[in-house]
Structures are given as structure tokens and as C-alpha cells.
């Protein structure tokens, strides 16, 4: 059965903030299992904690869709380098440490990315990006899009999709997941 796991950003963000609860309710209404767990090491979101947590505690596998926001999107990418997923939705994603010390400490940027493996280990990838994101320059998600050759949604005025303001709903994300699942079921 398809399982969706929310992966929040660092800085003690949780899967109970912003749009996560309404997206969870909408997806559960569609009969999908949605996991909105509390993650260890919430301040730094270090890879050495989060990848084992996703694999061993939340049991992410080839029937799992990650919905990763900010550094949660980075954790989803690194997970997909090593393990199969059904797919991932990356919100406010990036591929460098952005010159931020806490990003360097998190461990995700200590080696090159294997874009081919990330693509091969998933049936679909979707990116949501905004030109006015106060932390992620738009060149970051645009680069990810070129490397991952995936579905891409770029906006002018969505900021960090709730990391910088209260964003209670995200209907575009719900639609993307449901559309991708429909395509997979029809193939």
C-alpha cells in the first residue's frame, strides 16, 4: 500500500506546521496512509539521524512517497540515492549548503550528488519552487530540475512555502500527488 511520509525542514519545524495538517487530511480522505512523525535532531536535521530514522523507524520503501520541505527535501534526495521510493515531492529544495553553517553540519553536502541514482530509484519526482524564496535562490531548484528531469512548478510569490509565513493550504501539492498516483495506476 502506498504510504506518504512528511519530511519537515530543520530549525525545529514539524509536520504539524503550516500546510502539513490540511494536506494530510486531504490525502487521507483519498484513502492514503500519511505519516506525520516527530523527527529526531529537529534543529539541525542531520543526515546521520534522519536517513536511519526514515529507513528503520518510519519504514520508507519502494511504496513510499516523501513530501520534503526545505532540508526535508534534501533528506529525501539523499535517501533516494541509496534506497527505492515510489516518488518524492520536493518543496523549497536546493543542492548546495548555501553558505550556511548549519547546512554544512547537517552532512548532506559533504559529497557529490548522484542524480542518475536519485532518478532511477523513484517513479516520479516533483519540485515546487518560488522566485521570491528568501532563503533559496531560484537557481538552486532550477538546477535540480535540469538534473532530475522531473515535474517542476515555479511560482513568483510563494516564498518558502510556509517557512517564512503561515501557509495553511497547498492544493497544488495534493493535486500533484494524486495525478502522479493516477498515472502510475494507469501504466
N, C-alpha and C. Protein backbone atom coordinates (compact mmCIF):
# COMPACT_ATOMS: atom_id res chain seq x y z
N UNK A 1 0.84 -1.19 0.00
CA UNK A 1 0.00 0.00 0.00
C UNK A 1 0.89 1.25 0.00
N UNK A 2 0.43 2.24 -0.74
CA UNK A 2 1.17 3.50 -0.81
C UNK A 2 1.14 4.21 0.54
N UNK A 3 2.32 4.68 0.94
CA UNK A 3 2.46 5.41 2.20
C UNK A 3 3.14 6.73 1.88
N UNK A 4 2.64 7.81 2.46
CA UNK A 4 3.24 9.14 2.28
C UNK A 4 3.87 9.54 3.60
N UNK A 5 5.13 9.93 3.54
CA UNK A 5 5.84 10.39 4.73
C UNK A 5 6.22 11.85 4.55
N UNK A 6 5.78 12.68 5.49
CA UNK A 6 6.17 14.09 5.50
C UNK A 6 7.55 14.21 6.13
N UNK A 7 8.42 14.98 5.49
CA UNK A 7 9.77 15.21 5.99
C UNK A 7 9.94 16.73 6.14
N UNK A 8 9.92 17.25 7.36
CA UNK A 8 9.95 18.70 7.57
C UNK A 8 11.35 19.29 7.40
N UNK A 9 11.41 20.61 7.48
CA UNK A 9 12.70 21.30 7.43
C UNK A 9 13.38 21.31 8.78
N UNK A 10 14.60 21.83 8.81
CA UNK A 10 15.34 21.95 10.07
C UNK A 10 14.85 23.17 10.86
N UNK A 11 15.55 23.52 11.90
CA UNK A 11 15.14 24.65 12.72
C UNK A 11 13.94 24.34 13.60
N UNK A 12 13.77 23.07 13.91
CA UNK A 12 12.65 22.58 14.72
C UNK A 12 11.29 22.77 14.05
N UNK A 13 11.27 22.81 12.73
CA UNK A 13 9.99 22.77 12.02
C UNK A 13 9.41 21.37 12.23
N UNK A 14 8.10 21.26 12.18
CA UNK A 14 7.49 19.94 12.37
C UNK A 14 6.47 19.68 11.27
N UNK A 15 6.01 18.45 11.24
CA UNK A 15 4.99 18.05 10.27
C UNK A 15 3.59 18.44 10.76
N UNK A 16 3.53 19.26 11.79
CA UNK A 16 2.25 19.78 12.29
C UNK A 16 2.12 21.27 11.97
N UNK A 17 3.11 21.82 11.26
CA UNK A 17 3.13 23.25 10.93
C UNK A 17 2.52 23.51 9.56
N UNK A 18 2.05 24.74 9.38
CA UNK A 18 1.62 25.26 8.08
C UNK A 18 0.67 24.32 7.34
N UNK A 19 1.00 23.97 6.11
CA UNK A 19 0.11 23.20 5.23
C UNK A 19 0.11 21.70 5.51
N UNK A 20 1.03 21.21 6.28
CA UNK A 20 1.09 19.76 6.51
C UNK A 20 -0.25 19.18 7.01
N UNK A 21 -0.92 19.77 8.02
CA UNK A 21 -2.17 19.16 8.51
C UNK A 21 -3.28 19.11 7.45
N UNK A 22 -3.46 20.16 6.66
CA UNK A 22 -4.54 20.13 5.67
C UNK A 22 -4.21 19.19 4.51
N UNK A 23 -2.95 19.12 4.14
CA UNK A 23 -2.54 18.18 3.10
C UNK A 23 -2.74 16.76 3.60
N UNK A 24 -2.37 16.50 4.84
CA UNK A 24 -2.54 15.17 5.43
C UNK A 24 -4.02 14.77 5.41
N UNK A 25 -4.89 15.67 5.85
CA UNK A 25 -6.33 15.37 5.88
C UNK A 25 -6.87 15.09 4.48
N UNK A 26 -6.46 15.88 3.50
CA UNK A 26 -6.94 15.70 2.13
C UNK A 26 -6.48 14.37 1.55
N UNK A 27 -5.23 14.00 1.79
CA UNK A 27 -4.71 12.75 1.25
C UNK A 27 -5.31 11.54 1.96
N UNK A 28 -5.54 11.66 3.26
CA UNK A 28 -6.20 10.58 3.98
C UNK A 28 -7.64 10.39 3.51
N UNK A 29 -8.28 11.48 3.15
CA UNK A 29 -9.65 11.42 2.61
C UNK A 29 -9.67 10.62 1.31
N UNK A 30 -8.55 10.60 0.61
CA UNK A 30 -8.41 9.82 -0.63
C UNK A 30 -8.02 8.37 -0.35
N UNK A 31 -7.93 8.01 0.93
CA UNK A 31 -7.62 6.64 1.30
C UNK A 31 -6.14 6.33 1.42
N UNK A 32 -5.29 7.36 1.44
CA UNK A 32 -3.85 7.17 1.53
C UNK A 32 -3.38 7.22 2.99
N UNK A 33 -2.40 6.41 3.30
CA UNK A 33 -1.77 6.46 4.62
C UNK A 33 -0.75 7.59 4.63
N UNK A 34 -0.85 8.48 5.61
CA UNK A 34 0.07 9.62 5.71
C UNK A 34 0.71 9.61 7.08
N UNK A 35 2.04 9.64 7.10
CA UNK A 35 2.78 9.66 8.36
C UNK A 35 3.36 11.05 8.57
N UNK A 36 2.98 11.66 9.67
CA UNK A 36 3.48 12.98 10.06
C UNK A 36 4.15 12.84 11.43
N UNK A 37 5.33 12.28 11.42
CA UNK A 37 6.04 11.95 12.66
C UNK A 37 6.87 13.13 13.18
N UNK A 38 7.23 13.04 14.45
CA UNK A 38 8.19 13.97 15.03
C UNK A 38 9.58 13.39 14.78
N UNK A 39 10.44 14.18 14.18
CA UNK A 39 11.78 13.73 13.80
C UNK A 39 12.79 14.02 14.91
N UNK A 40 13.80 13.16 15.03
CA UNK A 40 14.88 13.45 15.98
C UNK A 40 15.76 14.57 15.42
N UNK A 41 16.53 15.21 16.27
CA UNK A 41 17.50 16.21 15.83
C UNK A 41 16.85 17.28 14.96
N UNK A 42 15.70 17.78 15.40
CA UNK A 42 14.92 18.73 14.61
C UNK A 42 15.62 20.04 14.31
N UNK A 43 16.51 20.47 15.15
CA UNK A 43 17.19 21.74 14.91
C UNK A 43 18.13 21.67 13.72
N UNK A 44 18.97 20.62 13.66
CA UNK A 44 19.96 20.50 12.58
C UNK A 44 19.54 19.56 11.46
N UNK A 45 18.66 18.62 11.75
CA UNK A 45 18.20 17.65 10.74
C UNK A 45 19.36 16.90 10.11
N UNK A 46 20.29 16.46 10.93
CA UNK A 46 21.50 15.81 10.40
C UNK A 46 21.18 14.49 9.68
N UNK A 47 21.87 14.31 8.57
CA UNK A 47 21.70 13.10 7.75
C UNK A 47 21.92 11.84 8.58
N UNK A 48 22.89 11.85 9.46
CA UNK A 48 23.22 10.67 10.25
C UNK A 48 22.06 10.24 11.17
N UNK A 49 21.13 11.13 11.46
CA UNK A 49 19.94 10.81 12.24
C UNK A 49 18.74 10.53 11.33
N UNK A 50 18.58 11.37 10.31
CA UNK A 50 17.34 11.33 9.54
C UNK A 50 17.24 10.17 8.57
N UNK A 51 18.31 9.81 7.89
CA UNK A 51 18.22 8.69 6.94
C UNK A 51 17.90 7.39 7.69
N UNK A 52 18.61 7.06 8.78
CA UNK A 52 18.22 5.85 9.52
C UNK A 52 16.80 5.93 10.10
N UNK A 53 16.37 7.11 10.52
CA UNK A 53 15.02 7.27 11.05
C UNK A 53 13.98 6.97 9.97
N UNK A 54 14.20 7.50 8.78
CA UNK A 54 13.28 7.26 7.66
C UNK A 54 13.26 5.78 7.29
N UNK A 55 14.42 5.17 7.26
CA UNK A 55 14.54 3.76 6.84
C UNK A 55 14.05 2.81 7.94
N UNK A 56 14.56 2.98 9.15
CA UNK A 56 14.35 1.98 10.20
C UNK A 56 13.09 2.22 11.04
N UNK A 57 12.81 3.46 11.35
CA UNK A 57 11.65 3.76 12.20
C UNK A 57 10.37 3.95 11.40
N UNK A 58 10.45 4.73 10.31
CA UNK A 58 9.25 5.02 9.51
C UNK A 58 9.06 4.01 8.38
N UNK A 59 10.05 3.14 8.17
CA UNK A 59 9.96 2.04 7.21
C UNK A 59 9.67 2.51 5.78
N UNK A 60 10.35 3.57 5.36
CA UNK A 60 10.23 4.04 3.98
C UNK A 60 10.74 2.95 3.04
N UNK A 61 10.01 2.75 1.93
CA UNK A 61 10.37 1.71 0.98
C UNK A 61 9.89 2.09 -0.42
N UNK A 62 9.87 1.13 -1.30
CA UNK A 62 9.50 1.36 -2.69
C UNK A 62 8.04 1.73 -2.91
N UNK A 63 7.24 1.69 -1.86
CA UNK A 63 5.83 2.12 -1.95
C UNK A 63 5.60 3.44 -1.21
N UNK A 64 6.69 4.14 -0.90
CA UNK A 64 6.62 5.38 -0.12
C UNK A 64 6.81 6.60 -1.01
N UNK A 65 6.02 7.62 -0.72
CA UNK A 65 6.20 8.94 -1.32
C UNK A 65 6.65 9.87 -0.20
N UNK A 66 7.78 10.54 -0.41
CA UNK A 66 8.22 11.57 0.53
C UNK A 66 7.66 12.92 0.09
N UNK A 67 7.20 13.69 1.06
CA UNK A 67 6.88 15.10 0.85
C UNK A 67 7.86 15.85 1.74
N UNK A 68 8.94 16.36 1.11
CA UNK A 68 10.00 17.01 1.85
C UNK A 68 9.99 18.51 1.66
N UNK A 69 10.04 19.23 2.76
CA UNK A 69 10.09 20.70 2.72
C UNK A 69 11.46 21.17 3.18
N UNK A 70 12.10 21.99 2.37
CA UNK A 70 13.38 22.61 2.70
C UNK A 70 14.44 21.53 2.96
N UNK A 71 15.05 21.48 4.13
CA UNK A 71 16.05 20.44 4.38
C UNK A 71 15.43 19.05 4.38
N UNK A 72 14.12 18.96 4.57
CA UNK A 72 13.44 17.68 4.42
C UNK A 72 13.48 17.18 2.99
N UNK A 73 13.47 18.13 2.04
CA UNK A 73 13.62 17.76 0.62
C UNK A 73 15.02 17.22 0.36
N UNK A 74 16.00 17.79 1.03
CA UNK A 74 17.38 17.33 0.87
C UNK A 74 17.53 15.92 1.44
N UNK A 75 16.91 15.66 2.58
CA UNK A 75 16.93 14.30 3.15
C UNK A 75 16.27 13.32 2.18
N UNK A 76 15.19 13.73 1.54
CA UNK A 76 14.51 12.86 0.57
C UNK A 76 15.43 12.54 -0.60
N UNK A 77 16.17 13.53 -1.07
CA UNK A 77 17.10 13.30 -2.18
C UNK A 77 18.20 12.32 -1.79
N UNK A 78 18.81 12.53 -0.63
CA UNK A 78 19.89 11.63 -0.20
C UNK A 78 19.36 10.22 0.06
N UNK A 79 18.16 10.11 0.61
CA UNK A 79 17.57 8.79 0.82
C UNK A 79 17.43 8.07 -0.52
N UNK A 80 16.92 8.79 -1.52
CA UNK A 80 16.68 8.19 -2.85
C UNK A 80 17.98 7.81 -3.56
N UNK A 81 19.10 8.35 -3.15
CA UNK A 81 20.38 7.91 -3.70
C UNK A 81 20.69 6.47 -3.30
N UNK A 82 20.17 6.04 -2.17
CA UNK A 82 20.51 4.74 -1.61
C UNK A 82 19.40 3.70 -1.67
N UNK A 83 18.15 4.19 -1.62
CA UNK A 83 17.02 3.27 -1.46
C UNK A 83 15.89 3.63 -2.43
N UNK A 84 15.12 2.63 -2.86
CA UNK A 84 13.98 2.91 -3.74
C UNK A 84 12.83 3.58 -3.00
N UNK A 85 12.16 4.45 -3.71
CA UNK A 85 10.93 5.11 -3.26
C UNK A 85 9.92 5.02 -4.39
N UNK A 86 8.66 5.23 -4.09
CA UNK A 86 7.68 5.37 -5.15
C UNK A 86 7.89 6.73 -5.83
N UNK A 87 8.07 7.77 -5.00
CA UNK A 87 8.29 9.10 -5.55
C UNK A 87 8.57 10.09 -4.45
N UNK A 88 8.83 11.33 -4.87
CA UNK A 88 9.05 12.39 -3.89
C UNK A 88 8.55 13.72 -4.43
N UNK A 89 8.09 14.53 -3.50
CA UNK A 89 7.67 15.91 -3.77
C UNK A 89 8.61 16.78 -2.95
N UNK A 90 9.34 17.64 -3.64
CA UNK A 90 10.38 18.46 -3.01
C UNK A 90 9.93 19.92 -3.03
N UNK A 91 9.78 20.50 -1.85
CA UNK A 91 9.28 21.87 -1.71
C UNK A 91 10.39 22.73 -1.12
N UNK A 92 10.74 23.82 -1.83
CA UNK A 92 11.82 24.68 -1.35
C UNK A 92 13.14 23.95 -1.30
N UNK A 93 13.45 23.20 -2.35
CA UNK A 93 14.64 22.36 -2.38
C UNK A 93 15.86 23.11 -2.93
N UNK A 94 17.03 22.56 -2.64
CA UNK A 94 18.30 23.14 -3.05
C UNK A 94 19.32 22.03 -3.15
N UNK A 95 20.52 22.32 -3.64
CA UNK A 95 21.52 21.26 -3.78
C UNK A 95 22.90 21.63 -3.22
N UNK A 96 23.04 22.85 -2.69
CA UNK A 96 24.29 23.27 -2.06
C UNK A 96 24.01 23.64 -0.60
N UNK A 97 25.07 23.85 0.16
CA UNK A 97 24.87 24.23 1.57
C UNK A 97 24.51 25.70 1.73
N UNK A 98 24.43 26.43 0.61
CA UNK A 98 24.02 27.83 0.60
C UNK A 98 24.92 28.73 1.44
N UNK A 99 26.09 28.22 1.82
CA UNK A 99 27.00 29.00 2.65
C UNK A 99 26.53 29.13 4.10
N UNK A 100 25.61 28.27 4.51
CA UNK A 100 25.03 28.31 5.86
C UNK A 100 25.67 27.22 6.71
N UNK A 101 26.22 27.59 7.85
CA UNK A 101 26.97 26.67 8.70
C UNK A 101 26.13 25.47 9.14
N UNK A 102 24.87 25.68 9.53
CA UNK A 102 24.04 24.56 9.97
C UNK A 102 23.77 23.57 8.83
N UNK A 103 23.71 24.07 7.60
CA UNK A 103 23.55 23.17 6.45
C UNK A 103 24.81 22.33 6.27
N UNK A 104 25.96 22.93 6.45
CA UNK A 104 27.22 22.19 6.35
C UNK A 104 27.28 21.09 7.41
N UNK A 105 26.90 21.43 8.63
CA UNK A 105 26.94 20.49 9.75
C UNK A 105 25.99 19.31 9.51
N UNK A 106 24.88 19.55 8.82
CA UNK A 106 23.87 18.50 8.61
C UNK A 106 24.41 17.30 7.84
N UNK A 107 25.45 17.49 7.04
CA UNK A 107 26.13 16.37 6.40
C UNK A 107 25.67 16.01 4.99
N UNK A 108 24.61 16.61 4.51
CA UNK A 108 24.07 16.25 3.19
C UNK A 108 24.95 16.73 2.03
N UNK A 109 25.79 17.70 2.28
CA UNK A 109 26.54 18.33 1.19
C UNK A 109 28.03 17.97 1.22
N UNK A 110 28.37 16.90 1.89
CA UNK A 110 29.78 16.51 2.06
C UNK A 110 30.33 15.71 0.89
N UNK A 111 29.51 15.44 -0.12
CA UNK A 111 29.93 14.64 -1.27
C UNK A 111 29.08 15.02 -2.49
N UNK A 112 29.52 14.62 -3.66
CA UNK A 112 28.73 14.93 -4.87
C UNK A 112 27.39 14.20 -4.87
N UNK A 113 26.46 14.72 -5.64
CA UNK A 113 25.14 14.11 -5.81
C UNK A 113 25.19 13.08 -6.93
N UNK A 114 24.45 12.01 -6.79
CA UNK A 114 24.29 11.02 -7.86
C UNK A 114 22.89 11.16 -8.43
N UNK A 115 22.74 12.11 -9.35
CA UNK A 115 21.42 12.45 -9.90
C UNK A 115 20.78 11.26 -10.59
N UNK A 116 21.58 10.48 -11.29
CA UNK A 116 21.04 9.31 -12.01
C UNK A 116 20.41 8.32 -11.04
N UNK A 117 21.10 8.06 -9.95
CA UNK A 117 20.57 7.12 -8.96
C UNK A 117 19.29 7.65 -8.31
N UNK A 118 19.28 8.96 -8.03
CA UNK A 118 18.08 9.57 -7.44
C UNK A 118 16.89 9.39 -8.38
N UNK A 119 17.10 9.60 -9.68
CA UNK A 119 16.03 9.41 -10.67
C UNK A 119 15.64 7.95 -10.78
N UNK A 120 16.63 7.09 -10.89
CA UNK A 120 16.36 5.67 -11.11
C UNK A 120 15.64 5.00 -9.94
N UNK A 121 15.83 5.50 -8.73
CA UNK A 121 15.22 4.89 -7.55
C UNK A 121 13.80 5.37 -7.26
N UNK A 122 13.20 6.13 -8.20
CA UNK A 122 11.85 6.64 -8.00
C UNK A 122 11.04 6.60 -9.29
N UNK A 123 9.74 6.50 -9.15
CA UNK A 123 8.85 6.54 -10.30
C UNK A 123 8.55 7.98 -10.73
N UNK A 124 8.57 8.90 -9.77
CA UNK A 124 8.34 10.31 -10.11
C UNK A 124 9.00 11.22 -9.07
N UNK A 125 9.30 12.43 -9.51
CA UNK A 125 9.82 13.49 -8.64
C UNK A 125 9.12 14.78 -9.06
N UNK A 126 8.66 15.55 -8.10
CA UNK A 126 8.04 16.84 -8.35
C UNK A 126 8.74 17.89 -7.50
N UNK A 127 9.01 19.04 -8.10
CA UNK A 127 9.63 20.15 -7.38
C UNK A 127 8.68 21.35 -7.38
N UNK A 128 8.54 21.97 -6.22
CA UNK A 128 7.82 23.25 -6.08
C UNK A 128 8.84 24.29 -5.64
N UNK A 129 8.93 25.39 -6.41
CA UNK A 129 9.91 26.44 -6.14
C UNK A 129 9.25 27.80 -6.32
N UNK A 130 9.86 28.81 -5.69
CA UNK A 130 9.35 30.18 -5.85
C UNK A 130 10.50 31.16 -6.03
N UNK A 131 10.28 32.11 -6.92
CA UNK A 131 11.30 33.10 -7.23
C UNK A 131 11.59 34.03 -6.05
N UNK A 132 10.62 34.17 -5.14
CA UNK A 132 10.81 35.09 -4.01
C UNK A 132 11.13 34.37 -2.70
N UNK A 133 11.61 33.14 -2.79
CA UNK A 133 12.01 32.41 -1.59
C UNK A 133 13.15 33.19 -0.93
N UNK A 134 12.99 33.58 0.34
CA UNK A 134 14.02 34.41 0.98
C UNK A 134 15.32 33.66 1.30
N UNK A 135 15.30 32.33 1.27
CA UNK A 135 16.49 31.55 1.63
C UNK A 135 17.08 30.76 0.48
N UNK A 136 16.25 30.40 -0.49
CA UNK A 136 16.71 29.53 -1.57
C UNK A 136 16.71 30.31 -2.89
N UNK A 137 17.88 30.68 -3.40
CA UNK A 137 17.92 31.35 -4.70
C UNK A 137 17.29 30.44 -5.78
N UNK A 138 16.53 31.03 -6.68
CA UNK A 138 15.79 30.24 -7.67
C UNK A 138 16.70 29.39 -8.54
N UNK A 139 17.96 29.77 -8.65
CA UNK A 139 18.89 28.95 -9.45
C UNK A 139 19.06 27.55 -8.85
N UNK A 140 18.87 27.41 -7.55
CA UNK A 140 19.02 26.10 -6.90
C UNK A 140 17.96 25.10 -7.40
N UNK A 141 16.66 25.40 -7.25
CA UNK A 141 15.68 24.42 -7.75
C UNK A 141 15.69 24.30 -9.27
N UNK A 142 16.03 25.35 -9.98
CA UNK A 142 16.13 25.23 -11.44
C UNK A 142 17.22 24.23 -11.82
N UNK A 143 18.34 24.26 -11.10
CA UNK A 143 19.41 23.30 -11.35
C UNK A 143 18.93 21.88 -11.05
N UNK A 144 18.24 21.71 -9.92
CA UNK A 144 17.70 20.39 -9.58
C UNK A 144 16.80 19.88 -10.70
N UNK A 145 15.97 20.76 -11.22
CA UNK A 145 15.07 20.37 -12.31
C UNK A 145 15.84 19.86 -13.52
N UNK A 146 16.92 20.54 -13.88
CA UNK A 146 17.71 20.09 -15.04
C UNK A 146 18.38 18.75 -14.77
N UNK A 147 18.81 18.52 -13.55
CA UNK A 147 19.48 17.26 -13.21
C UNK A 147 18.50 16.10 -13.06
N UNK A 148 17.34 16.38 -12.49
CA UNK A 148 16.39 15.32 -12.18
C UNK A 148 15.38 15.08 -13.30
N UNK A 149 15.28 16.03 -14.24
CA UNK A 149 14.37 15.89 -15.39
C UNK A 149 12.97 15.50 -14.91
N UNK A 150 12.43 16.32 -14.02
CA UNK A 150 11.20 15.97 -13.33
C UNK A 150 10.12 17.04 -13.52
N UNK A 151 8.96 16.74 -12.95
CA UNK A 151 7.87 17.72 -12.92
C UNK A 151 8.34 18.93 -12.10
N UNK A 152 8.04 20.11 -12.60
CA UNK A 152 8.56 21.32 -11.96
C UNK A 152 7.50 22.41 -11.97
N UNK A 153 7.27 23.00 -10.79
CA UNK A 153 6.32 24.10 -10.64
C UNK A 153 7.06 25.29 -10.03
N UNK A 154 7.16 26.35 -10.80
CA UNK A 154 7.84 27.56 -10.31
C UNK A 154 6.82 28.69 -10.20
N UNK A 155 6.84 29.35 -9.05
CA UNK A 155 5.93 30.46 -8.78
C UNK A 155 6.74 31.74 -8.58
N UNK A 156 6.05 32.87 -8.63
CA UNK A 156 6.71 34.15 -8.40
C UNK A 156 6.57 34.61 -6.95
N UNK A 157 5.52 34.17 -6.26
CA UNK A 157 5.19 34.77 -4.97
C UNK A 157 4.79 33.80 -3.87
N UNK A 158 5.43 32.65 -3.79
CA UNK A 158 5.09 31.67 -2.74
C UNK A 158 6.15 31.60 -1.65
N UNK A 159 7.18 32.43 -1.73
CA UNK A 159 8.22 32.43 -0.70
C UNK A 159 8.80 31.05 -0.46
N UNK A 160 8.95 30.70 0.81
CA UNK A 160 9.49 29.39 1.18
C UNK A 160 8.36 28.41 1.51
N UNK A 161 7.21 28.65 0.94
CA UNK A 161 6.05 27.78 1.08
C UNK A 161 5.70 27.51 2.54
N UNK A 162 5.71 28.58 3.32
CA UNK A 162 5.31 28.46 4.71
C UNK A 162 6.45 28.55 5.70
N UNK A 163 7.66 28.47 5.28
CA UNK A 163 8.77 28.61 6.20
C UNK A 163 8.97 30.05 6.64
N UNK A 164 8.46 30.98 5.83
CA UNK A 164 8.64 32.41 6.10
C UNK A 164 7.31 33.12 6.38
N UNK A 165 6.20 32.42 6.32
CA UNK A 165 4.88 32.97 6.60
C UNK A 165 3.94 31.79 6.85
N UNK A 166 2.76 32.06 7.34
CA UNK A 166 1.81 30.98 7.60
C UNK A 166 1.08 30.62 6.31
N UNK A 167 1.26 29.41 5.87
CA UNK A 167 0.62 28.90 4.65
C UNK A 167 -0.21 27.69 5.06
N UNK A 168 -1.52 27.87 5.26
CA UNK A 168 -2.34 26.78 5.78
C UNK A 168 -2.74 25.72 4.76
N UNK A 169 -2.66 26.02 3.47
CA UNK A 169 -3.12 25.07 2.47
C UNK A 169 -2.12 24.97 1.32
N UNK A 170 -2.15 23.85 0.62
CA UNK A 170 -1.25 23.63 -0.51
C UNK A 170 -1.96 22.71 -1.51
N UNK A 171 -3.03 23.20 -2.15
CA UNK A 171 -3.80 22.34 -3.06
C UNK A 171 -3.01 21.85 -4.27
N UNK A 172 -2.04 22.63 -4.71
CA UNK A 172 -1.23 22.22 -5.87
C UNK A 172 -0.41 20.96 -5.55
N UNK A 173 0.07 20.86 -4.32
CA UNK A 173 0.83 19.70 -3.90
C UNK A 173 -0.07 18.47 -3.86
N UNK A 174 -1.24 18.61 -3.31
CA UNK A 174 -2.20 17.50 -3.26
C UNK A 174 -2.51 17.01 -4.67
N UNK A 175 -2.81 17.95 -5.57
CA UNK A 175 -3.14 17.60 -6.95
C UNK A 175 -1.99 16.87 -7.62
N UNK A 176 -0.76 17.31 -7.38
CA UNK A 176 0.40 16.68 -7.98
C UNK A 176 0.53 15.22 -7.53
N UNK A 177 0.38 14.97 -6.25
CA UNK A 177 0.49 13.59 -5.75
C UNK A 177 -0.61 12.72 -6.35
N UNK A 178 -1.83 13.20 -6.33
CA UNK A 178 -2.95 12.41 -6.85
C UNK A 178 -2.80 12.17 -8.35
N UNK A 179 -2.35 13.17 -9.10
CA UNK A 179 -2.13 13.00 -10.54
C UNK A 179 -1.03 11.97 -10.81
N UNK A 180 0.04 12.03 -10.06
CA UNK A 180 1.12 11.05 -10.25
C UNK A 180 0.68 9.64 -9.90
N UNK A 181 -0.10 9.50 -8.85
CA UNK A 181 -0.60 8.17 -8.48
C UNK A 181 -1.55 7.64 -9.56
N UNK A 182 -2.37 8.51 -10.11
CA UNK A 182 -3.29 8.10 -11.19
C UNK A 182 -2.49 7.64 -12.41
N UNK A 183 -1.45 8.37 -12.78
CA UNK A 183 -0.61 7.98 -13.92
C UNK A 183 0.04 6.61 -13.66
N UNK A 184 0.53 6.40 -12.45
CA UNK A 184 1.16 5.12 -12.13
C UNK A 184 0.15 3.97 -12.18
N UNK A 185 -1.06 4.22 -11.72
CA UNK A 185 -2.08 3.19 -11.72
C UNK A 185 -2.56 2.86 -13.13
N UNK A 186 -2.44 3.83 -14.05
CA UNK A 186 -2.89 3.62 -15.43
C UNK A 186 -1.79 3.06 -16.33
N UNK A 187 -0.58 2.95 -15.80
CA UNK A 187 0.52 2.48 -16.66
C UNK A 187 0.73 0.99 -16.56
